N, C-alpha and C. Protein backbone atom coordinates (compact mmCIF):
# COMPACT_ATOMS: atom_id res chain seq x y z
N MET A 1 -25.77 18.78 1.16
CA MET A 1 -24.88 19.89 1.50
C MET A 1 -25.68 21.01 2.17
N PRO A 2 -25.09 21.64 3.13
CA PRO A 2 -25.80 22.75 3.79
C PRO A 2 -26.08 23.89 2.81
N ASP A 3 -27.12 24.64 3.13
CA ASP A 3 -27.53 25.74 2.26
C ASP A 3 -26.62 26.95 2.38
N ASP A 4 -25.73 26.98 3.36
CA ASP A 4 -24.88 28.15 3.53
C ASP A 4 -23.69 28.17 2.56
N PHE A 5 -23.57 27.17 1.70
CA PHE A 5 -22.55 27.16 0.66
C PHE A 5 -23.20 27.43 -0.69
N THR A 6 -22.53 28.19 -1.51
CA THR A 6 -23.04 28.44 -2.86
C THR A 6 -22.88 27.16 -3.68
N PRO A 7 -23.60 27.03 -4.78
CA PRO A 7 -23.43 25.84 -5.62
C PRO A 7 -21.97 25.65 -6.07
N TYR A 8 -21.29 26.75 -6.34
CA TYR A 8 -19.88 26.68 -6.74
C TYR A 8 -19.04 26.08 -5.61
N GLN A 9 -19.26 26.55 -4.39
CA GLN A 9 -18.52 26.04 -3.24
C GLN A 9 -18.85 24.57 -2.98
N GLN A 10 -20.10 24.21 -3.19
CA GLN A 10 -20.50 22.82 -3.01
C GLN A 10 -19.76 21.90 -3.98
N LYS A 11 -19.59 22.35 -5.23
CA LYS A 11 -18.86 21.55 -6.22
C LYS A 11 -17.40 21.39 -5.82
N ILE A 12 -16.80 22.47 -5.31
CA ILE A 12 -15.40 22.41 -4.87
C ILE A 12 -15.25 21.41 -3.73
N ILE A 13 -16.14 21.48 -2.77
CA ILE A 13 -16.10 20.56 -1.62
C ILE A 13 -16.29 19.12 -2.08
N LYS A 14 -17.22 18.91 -3.00
CA LYS A 14 -17.48 17.56 -3.52
C LYS A 14 -16.24 17.00 -4.23
N ARG A 15 -15.61 17.82 -5.07
CA ARG A 15 -14.41 17.37 -5.78
C ARG A 15 -13.27 17.07 -4.82
N TYR A 16 -13.16 17.88 -3.76
CA TYR A 16 -12.11 17.65 -2.76
C TYR A 16 -12.27 16.25 -2.16
N TYR A 17 -13.48 15.92 -1.74
CA TYR A 17 -13.69 14.62 -1.11
C TYR A 17 -13.62 13.47 -2.10
N GLU A 18 -13.91 13.73 -3.35
CA GLU A 18 -13.74 12.69 -4.37
C GLU A 18 -12.27 12.37 -4.61
N ASN A 19 -11.41 13.36 -4.40
CA ASN A 19 -9.98 13.20 -4.67
C ASN A 19 -9.13 13.17 -3.41
N ILE A 20 -9.72 12.90 -2.27
CA ILE A 20 -8.99 12.94 -1.01
C ILE A 20 -7.82 11.95 -0.98
N ASP A 21 -7.98 10.79 -1.61
CA ASP A 21 -6.89 9.81 -1.63
C ASP A 21 -5.70 10.33 -2.42
N THR A 22 -5.97 10.93 -3.56
CA THR A 22 -4.90 11.48 -4.38
C THR A 22 -4.21 12.63 -3.67
N ILE A 23 -4.98 13.45 -2.99
CA ILE A 23 -4.41 14.58 -2.25
C ILE A 23 -3.53 14.06 -1.12
N ALA A 24 -3.99 13.07 -0.37
CA ALA A 24 -3.22 12.51 0.73
C ALA A 24 -1.94 11.85 0.22
N LEU A 25 -2.02 11.16 -0.91
CA LEU A 25 -0.84 10.53 -1.49
C LEU A 25 0.18 11.57 -1.95
N GLN A 26 -0.29 12.64 -2.54
CA GLN A 26 0.60 13.72 -2.97
C GLN A 26 1.30 14.34 -1.77
N ARG A 27 0.54 14.61 -0.72
CA ARG A 27 1.11 15.20 0.49
C ARG A 27 2.11 14.25 1.14
N LEU A 28 1.81 12.96 1.10
CA LEU A 28 2.71 11.96 1.67
C LEU A 28 4.03 11.93 0.91
N SER A 29 3.98 12.05 -0.41
CA SER A 29 5.21 12.07 -1.19
C SER A 29 6.03 13.33 -0.89
N GLU A 30 5.35 14.45 -0.63
CA GLU A 30 6.07 15.67 -0.23
C GLU A 30 6.70 15.51 1.15
N LEU A 31 6.01 14.79 2.03
CA LEU A 31 6.52 14.58 3.38
C LEU A 31 7.79 13.73 3.39
N VAL A 32 7.92 12.82 2.43
CA VAL A 32 9.14 12.02 2.34
C VAL A 32 10.34 12.94 2.20
N THR A 33 10.24 13.93 1.33
CA THR A 33 11.33 14.90 1.16
C THR A 33 11.55 15.71 2.42
N GLU A 34 10.47 16.18 3.01
CA GLU A 34 10.57 16.98 4.23
C GLU A 34 11.25 16.20 5.36
N ILE A 35 10.89 14.94 5.51
CA ILE A 35 11.49 14.11 6.56
C ILE A 35 12.97 13.92 6.29
N TYR A 36 13.31 13.66 5.04
CA TYR A 36 14.70 13.43 4.67
C TYR A 36 15.57 14.66 4.95
N LEU A 37 15.03 15.84 4.70
CA LEU A 37 15.83 17.07 4.83
C LEU A 37 15.81 17.68 6.22
N SER A 38 14.91 17.25 7.08
CA SER A 38 14.79 17.89 8.39
C SER A 38 15.43 17.05 9.49
N THR A 39 15.54 17.67 10.67
CA THR A 39 16.09 16.99 11.84
C THR A 39 15.32 17.42 13.07
N GLY A 40 15.50 16.69 14.15
CA GLY A 40 14.96 17.08 15.44
C GLY A 40 13.45 17.07 15.53
N LYS A 41 12.93 18.07 16.24
CA LYS A 41 11.48 18.15 16.49
C LYS A 41 10.69 18.33 15.21
N LYS A 42 11.26 19.07 14.28
CA LYS A 42 10.56 19.29 13.00
C LYS A 42 10.37 17.96 12.28
N GLN A 43 11.40 17.14 12.27
CA GLN A 43 11.32 15.83 11.63
C GLN A 43 10.27 14.96 12.32
N GLN A 44 10.20 15.03 13.64
CA GLN A 44 9.19 14.26 14.38
C GLN A 44 7.77 14.67 14.00
N ARG A 45 7.56 15.97 13.83
CA ARG A 45 6.23 16.45 13.41
C ARG A 45 5.89 15.94 12.01
N PHE A 46 6.89 15.95 11.11
CA PHE A 46 6.65 15.44 9.76
C PHE A 46 6.31 13.94 9.80
N TRP A 47 6.99 13.19 10.66
CA TRP A 47 6.69 11.77 10.80
C TRP A 47 5.26 11.57 11.29
N GLN A 48 4.84 12.36 12.27
CA GLN A 48 3.47 12.25 12.79
C GLN A 48 2.45 12.54 11.70
N THR A 49 2.71 13.55 10.90
CA THR A 49 1.81 13.89 9.79
C THR A 49 1.78 12.77 8.76
N ALA A 50 2.95 12.21 8.46
CA ALA A 50 3.02 11.11 7.49
C ALA A 50 2.22 9.91 7.98
N ILE A 51 2.35 9.58 9.25
CA ILE A 51 1.60 8.46 9.81
C ILE A 51 0.10 8.72 9.71
N ALA A 52 -0.31 9.95 9.97
CA ALA A 52 -1.73 10.30 9.86
C ALA A 52 -2.22 10.13 8.43
N HIS A 53 -1.41 10.51 7.45
CA HIS A 53 -1.80 10.35 6.04
C HIS A 53 -1.86 8.88 5.66
N LEU A 54 -0.96 8.07 6.21
CA LEU A 54 -1.01 6.63 5.94
C LEU A 54 -2.33 6.04 6.44
N LYS A 55 -2.76 6.50 7.61
CA LYS A 55 -4.03 6.02 8.15
C LYS A 55 -5.20 6.47 7.28
N LYS A 56 -5.15 7.71 6.78
CA LYS A 56 -6.21 8.21 5.89
C LYS A 56 -6.31 7.38 4.63
N LEU A 57 -5.15 6.91 4.16
CA LEU A 57 -5.12 6.13 2.92
C LEU A 57 -5.53 4.68 3.14
N GLY A 58 -5.75 4.29 4.39
CA GLY A 58 -6.21 2.94 4.67
C GLY A 58 -5.11 1.89 4.61
N ILE A 59 -3.89 2.29 4.88
CA ILE A 59 -2.78 1.34 4.90
C ILE A 59 -2.96 0.44 6.11
N PRO A 60 -2.70 -0.86 5.96
CA PRO A 60 -2.87 -1.77 7.11
C PRO A 60 -2.02 -1.34 8.31
N ALA A 61 -2.56 -1.55 9.49
CA ALA A 61 -1.91 -1.10 10.72
C ALA A 61 -0.53 -1.71 10.91
N TYR A 62 -0.35 -2.98 10.51
CA TYR A 62 0.95 -3.61 10.70
C TYR A 62 2.03 -2.93 9.86
N ARG A 63 1.69 -2.43 8.68
CA ARG A 63 2.68 -1.71 7.85
C ARG A 63 3.00 -0.35 8.45
N ILE A 64 1.96 0.33 8.94
CA ILE A 64 2.17 1.63 9.57
C ILE A 64 3.05 1.47 10.80
N ASP A 65 2.75 0.46 11.61
CA ASP A 65 3.54 0.21 12.82
C ASP A 65 4.99 -0.07 12.49
N HIS A 66 5.22 -0.86 11.46
CA HIS A 66 6.59 -1.20 11.05
C HIS A 66 7.36 0.06 10.63
N ILE A 67 6.74 0.88 9.83
CA ILE A 67 7.39 2.12 9.37
C ILE A 67 7.61 3.06 10.56
N GLU A 68 6.64 3.13 11.44
CA GLU A 68 6.74 4.02 12.61
C GLU A 68 7.84 3.56 13.56
N GLN A 69 8.00 2.25 13.74
CA GLN A 69 9.04 1.73 14.62
C GLN A 69 10.42 1.96 14.04
N LYS A 70 10.58 1.73 12.75
CA LYS A 70 11.88 1.88 12.11
C LYS A 70 12.25 3.34 11.87
N MET A 71 11.23 4.19 11.65
CA MET A 71 11.47 5.60 11.32
C MET A 71 12.50 5.72 10.18
N ASP A 72 12.32 4.87 9.18
CA ASP A 72 13.22 4.84 8.04
C ASP A 72 12.53 5.49 6.85
N VAL A 73 13.10 6.60 6.40
CA VAL A 73 12.48 7.34 5.29
C VAL A 73 12.47 6.52 4.01
N CYS A 74 13.43 5.60 3.86
CA CYS A 74 13.46 4.75 2.67
C CYS A 74 12.26 3.81 2.62
N LEU A 75 11.86 3.28 3.78
CA LEU A 75 10.66 2.44 3.83
C LEU A 75 9.43 3.24 3.43
N LEU A 76 9.35 4.46 3.93
CA LEU A 76 8.22 5.33 3.60
C LEU A 76 8.22 5.65 2.11
N ALA A 77 9.38 5.96 1.57
CA ALA A 77 9.49 6.28 0.14
C ALA A 77 9.08 5.08 -0.72
N ASP A 78 9.50 3.88 -0.32
CA ASP A 78 9.11 2.67 -1.07
C ASP A 78 7.60 2.46 -1.05
N LEU A 79 7.00 2.72 0.10
CA LEU A 79 5.54 2.58 0.20
C LEU A 79 4.84 3.60 -0.69
N VAL A 80 5.35 4.82 -0.72
CA VAL A 80 4.76 5.86 -1.58
C VAL A 80 4.86 5.45 -3.04
N LYS A 81 6.00 4.92 -3.45
CA LYS A 81 6.16 4.44 -4.84
C LYS A 81 5.15 3.35 -5.15
N GLU A 82 5.00 2.45 -4.22
CA GLU A 82 4.04 1.34 -4.39
C GLU A 82 2.61 1.88 -4.54
N LEU A 83 2.26 2.83 -3.69
CA LEU A 83 0.92 3.40 -3.76
C LEU A 83 0.70 4.19 -5.04
N GLN A 84 1.72 4.90 -5.49
CA GLN A 84 1.60 5.68 -6.73
C GLN A 84 1.45 4.76 -7.93
N SER A 85 2.10 3.62 -7.91
CA SER A 85 1.98 2.69 -9.03
C SER A 85 0.59 2.05 -9.08
N LYS A 86 -0.08 1.97 -7.92
CA LYS A 86 -1.42 1.40 -7.87
C LYS A 86 -2.52 2.43 -8.08
N ASP A 87 -2.18 3.72 -8.00
CA ASP A 87 -3.18 4.79 -8.08
C ASP A 87 -3.79 4.83 -9.47
N PRO A 88 -5.09 4.54 -9.61
CA PRO A 88 -5.71 4.51 -10.92
C PRO A 88 -5.86 5.89 -11.56
N LYS A 89 -5.73 6.95 -10.77
CA LYS A 89 -5.90 8.30 -11.29
C LYS A 89 -4.63 8.84 -11.91
N LYS A 90 -3.54 8.11 -11.79
CA LYS A 90 -2.28 8.56 -12.37
C LYS A 90 -2.10 8.02 -13.75
């Protein structure tokens, strides 16, 4: 870690990266609601963010492509449930 961070800040940064999968999964579950409730350009931005989080989580490209082509919030919600059931930190 660079010296320009205090030891306290270094611990925070370390914990963030240790829990990045859990953070991305939590944000993805929030995005399901946002996508469901929004319309138009705002909904498109939420979809783009959701796809980015799926990539961060290491979801296979064929599943991401399928969800992206269908743009079905139910498919995304089912995937989030599946991922939450597999999450060892829960």
